[in-house]
């Protein structure tokens, strides 16, 4: 499982009088074969709709197993390539990495539609928050994002620095 992406959480949820703590909740995805590789990028999320994942090369381990950050470079990411695992972290900063940005959130959609602060199907990732998921049939072009005011308050004006990590199937 050394090549797997693994997330371990400890969660306390609900009001104090009925709270429940879940510990050591683990979610992982291991690349299935040599066509799947890692994508990692510090990304500037703008206030205009954009693809979350850039069409650039991604990495495959040279031994034939995938999932390391050294080895063979796979072809550039294409629109139809499948996203198998995705992790997005709002760093809490603007794109320069030093100016704090807690007023804006990242809004993410998975259906190729336009993301917006008021889209019914958008996932909001606030400052300092992260989101992750495993997918079966989401393509690179299906993942769109935008920066807008936190809490769906309105359009944003600032670029957000986000960490984007994915495992992508080169179809």
Protein backbone atom coordinates (compact mmCIF):
# COMPACT_ATOMS: atom_id res chain seq x y z
CA UNK A 1 0.00 0.00 0.00
CA UNK A 2 3.05 2.28 -0.24
CA UNK A 3 1.79 3.74 -3.54
CA UNK A 4 -1.73 4.41 -2.22
CA UNK A 5 -3.21 7.78 -1.37
CA UNK A 6 -4.53 7.48 2.18
CA UNK A 7 -6.44 9.96 4.31
CA UNK A 8 -7.01 9.34 8.04
CA UNK A 9 -9.48 11.49 9.96
CA UNK A 10 -10.71 12.11 13.47
CA UNK A 11 -14.13 13.77 13.44
CA UNK A 12 -16.35 15.18 16.17
CA UNK A 13 -19.77 16.07 14.90
CA UNK A 14 -23.21 17.15 16.11
CA UNK A 15 -24.00 19.38 19.13
CA UNK A 16 -22.20 18.64 22.42
CA UNK A 17 -25.18 16.91 24.04
CA UNK A 18 -25.44 14.33 21.24
CA UNK A 19 -21.94 14.52 19.76
CA UNK A 20 -20.26 11.54 18.23
CA UNK A 21 -16.52 11.18 17.74
CA UNK A 22 -15.28 9.03 14.88
CA UNK A 23 -11.59 8.21 14.99
CA UNK A 24 -9.17 6.60 12.58
CA UNK A 25 -11.60 6.81 9.67
CA UNK A 26 -9.42 5.85 6.71
CA UNK A 27 -10.03 6.35 3.01
CA UNK A 28 -7.57 5.25 0.37
CA UNK A 29 -7.12 4.68 -3.31
CA UNK A 30 -4.34 2.60 -4.84
CA UNK A 31 -3.61 3.05 -8.56
CA UNK A 32 -5.12 0.08 -10.41
CA UNK A 33 -2.52 -0.32 -13.15
CA UNK A 34 0.26 1.36 -15.11
CA UNK A 35 -2.15 3.75 -16.87
CA UNK A 36 -2.89 5.58 -13.60
CA UNK A 37 -0.52 8.23 -12.29
CA UNK A 38 -0.27 11.03 -9.75
CA UNK A 39 -1.02 14.68 -10.45
CA UNK A 40 0.13 17.34 -7.98
CA UNK A 41 -0.09 21.09 -8.44
CA UNK A 42 -0.29 24.26 -6.39
CA UNK A 43 -3.13 25.88 -8.34
CA UNK A 44 -4.44 29.44 -8.57
CA UNK A 45 -8.25 29.29 -8.49
CA UNK A 46 -9.58 32.44 -10.19
CA UNK A 47 -12.95 34.20 -10.11
CA UNK A 48 -13.61 32.92 -13.66
CA UNK A 49 -14.71 29.34 -14.33
CA UNK A 50 -11.72 27.11 -15.03
CA UNK A 51 -10.65 23.48 -15.20
CA UNK A 52 -9.40 22.29 -11.82
CA UNK A 53 -6.76 20.02 -13.38
CA UNK A 54 -4.30 21.48 -15.89
CA UNK A 55 -3.61 19.62 -19.11
CA UNK A 56 0.01 18.80 -18.25
CA UNK A 57 2.11 15.68 -17.84
CA UNK A 58 1.74 13.48 -14.80
CA UNK A 59 3.97 10.87 -13.18
CA UNK A 60 4.12 7.08 -13.28
CA UNK A 61 6.54 4.85 -11.42
CA UNK A 62 9.10 3.29 -13.78
CA UNK A 63 8.67 -0.28 -12.48
CA UNK A 64 5.19 -0.53 -13.97
CA UNK A 65 3.36 0.08 -10.71
CA UNK A 66 2.13 3.64 -10.41
CA UNK A 67 1.92 6.27 -7.77
CA UNK A 68 5.29 7.79 -7.01
CA UNK A 69 6.70 11.20 -7.73
CA UNK A 70 9.69 9.92 -9.68
CA UNK A 71 9.83 7.89 -12.83
CA UNK A 72 8.26 7.91 -16.25
CA UNK A 73 6.29 10.94 -17.36
CA UNK A 74 2.95 9.90 -18.84
CA UNK A 75 1.48 11.81 -21.78
CA UNK A 76 -0.22 15.13 -21.16
CA UNK A 77 -3.54 14.94 -19.41
CA UNK A 78 -6.44 14.90 -21.87
CA UNK A 79 -10.03 16.05 -21.45
CA UNK A 80 -11.34 12.47 -21.43
CA UNK A 81 -8.84 11.11 -18.87
CA UNK A 82 -10.60 9.76 -15.76
CA UNK A 83 -10.08 11.22 -12.30
CA UNK A 84 -10.00 8.28 -9.90
CA UNK A 85 -9.06 10.11 -6.68
CA UNK A 86 -9.08 13.83 -5.87
CA UNK A 87 -7.89 15.91 -2.92
CA UNK A 88 -8.29 19.71 -2.86
CA UNK A 89 -6.96 21.95 -0.06
CA UNK A 90 -7.76 25.68 0.21
CA UNK A 91 -4.50 26.94 1.70
CA UNK A 92 -6.13 30.05 3.20
CA UNK A 93 -3.99 32.30 1.00
CA UNK A 94 -4.23 34.18 -2.26
CA UNK A 95 -2.25 32.84 -5.19
CA UNK A 96 0.93 34.57 -3.99
CA UNK A 97 1.04 32.20 -1.00
CA UNK A 98 1.59 34.99 1.54
CA UNK A 99 -1.55 37.18 1.52
CA UNK A 100 -4.25 35.69 3.75
CA UNK A 101 -7.56 34.98 2.04
CA UNK A 102 -10.31 33.83 4.41
CA UNK A 103 -13.11 35.76 2.70
CA UNK A 104 -13.26 33.56 -0.40
CA UNK A 105 -14.04 29.89 -0.96
CA UNK A 106 -13.44 27.43 -3.77
CA UNK A 107 -16.58 26.18 -5.51
CA UNK A 108 -16.20 22.87 -7.35
CA UNK A 109 -18.57 21.00 -9.72
CA UNK A 110 -18.16 17.53 -11.22
CA UNK A 111 -20.58 17.54 -14.15
CA UNK A 112 -18.82 19.84 -16.61
CA UNK A 113 -21.16 22.69 -15.71
CA UNK A 114 -20.28 26.21 -14.71
CA UNK A 115 -19.29 26.50 -11.06
CA UNK A 116 -20.69 29.42 -9.09
CA UNK A 117 -21.17 30.51 -5.49
CA UNK A 118 -24.92 29.84 -5.90
CA UNK A 119 -24.83 26.64 -7.98
CA UNK A 120 -26.97 23.94 -6.38
CA UNK A 121 -24.46 21.20 -7.10
CA UNK A 122 -21.29 23.07 -6.14
CA UNK A 123 -19.13 21.91 -3.26
CA UNK A 124 -17.74 24.80 -1.19
CA UNK A 125 -14.21 24.50 0.20
CA UNK A 126 -13.53 27.30 2.68
CA UNK A 127 -10.24 28.75 3.86
CA UNK A 128 -8.09 26.08 5.52
CA UNK A 129 -10.53 23.32 4.55
CA UNK A 130 -9.96 20.33 2.33
CA UNK A 131 -12.18 17.98 0.35
CA UNK A 132 -11.51 14.58 -1.18
CA UNK A 133 -13.32 11.83 -3.04
CA UNK A 134 -12.97 8.70 -5.13
CA UNK A 135 -14.64 8.61 -8.54
CA UNK A 136 -15.56 6.07 -11.15
CA UNK A 137 -16.56 8.05 -14.21
CA UNK A 138 -15.56 11.72 -13.79
CA UNK A 139 -13.36 13.12 -16.53
CA UNK A 140 -10.77 15.87 -16.23
CA UNK A 141 -13.05 18.20 -18.20
CA UNK A 142 -15.96 17.49 -15.80
CA UNK A 143 -14.06 19.15 -12.91
CA UNK A 144 -14.57 22.90 -12.93
CA UNK A 145 -13.89 25.44 -10.20
CA UNK A 146 -14.15 29.12 -9.30
CA UNK A 147 -13.26 31.47 -6.46
CA UNK A 148 -16.16 33.36 -4.85
CA UNK A 149 -17.15 34.81 -1.50
CA UNK A 150 -17.44 32.34 1.39
CA UNK A 151 -20.87 31.08 2.35
CA UNK A 152 -22.25 31.72 -1.13
CA UNK A 153 -22.40 35.47 -0.39
CA UNK A 154 -21.48 36.52 -3.94
CA UNK A 155 -18.85 36.58 -6.63
CA UNK A 156 -15.26 36.80 -5.47
CA UNK A 157 -12.47 39.06 -6.55
CA UNK A 158 -9.37 37.20 -5.41
CA UNK A 159 -7.42 34.23 -6.66
CA UNK A 160 -7.06 31.41 -4.14
CA UNK A 161 -4.01 29.20 -3.73
CA UNK A 162 -5.11 25.56 -3.66
CA UNK A 163 -3.26 22.28 -3.43
CA UNK A 164 -4.68 19.79 -5.94
CA UNK A 165 -3.66 16.13 -5.80
CA UNK A 166 -5.24 13.50 -8.02
CA UNK A 167 -4.78 10.03 -9.41
CA UNK A 168 -5.67 10.11 -13.08
CA UNK A 169 -6.29 7.23 -15.47
CA UNK A 170 -4.66 7.98 -18.81
CA UNK A 171 -7.36 6.73 -21.18
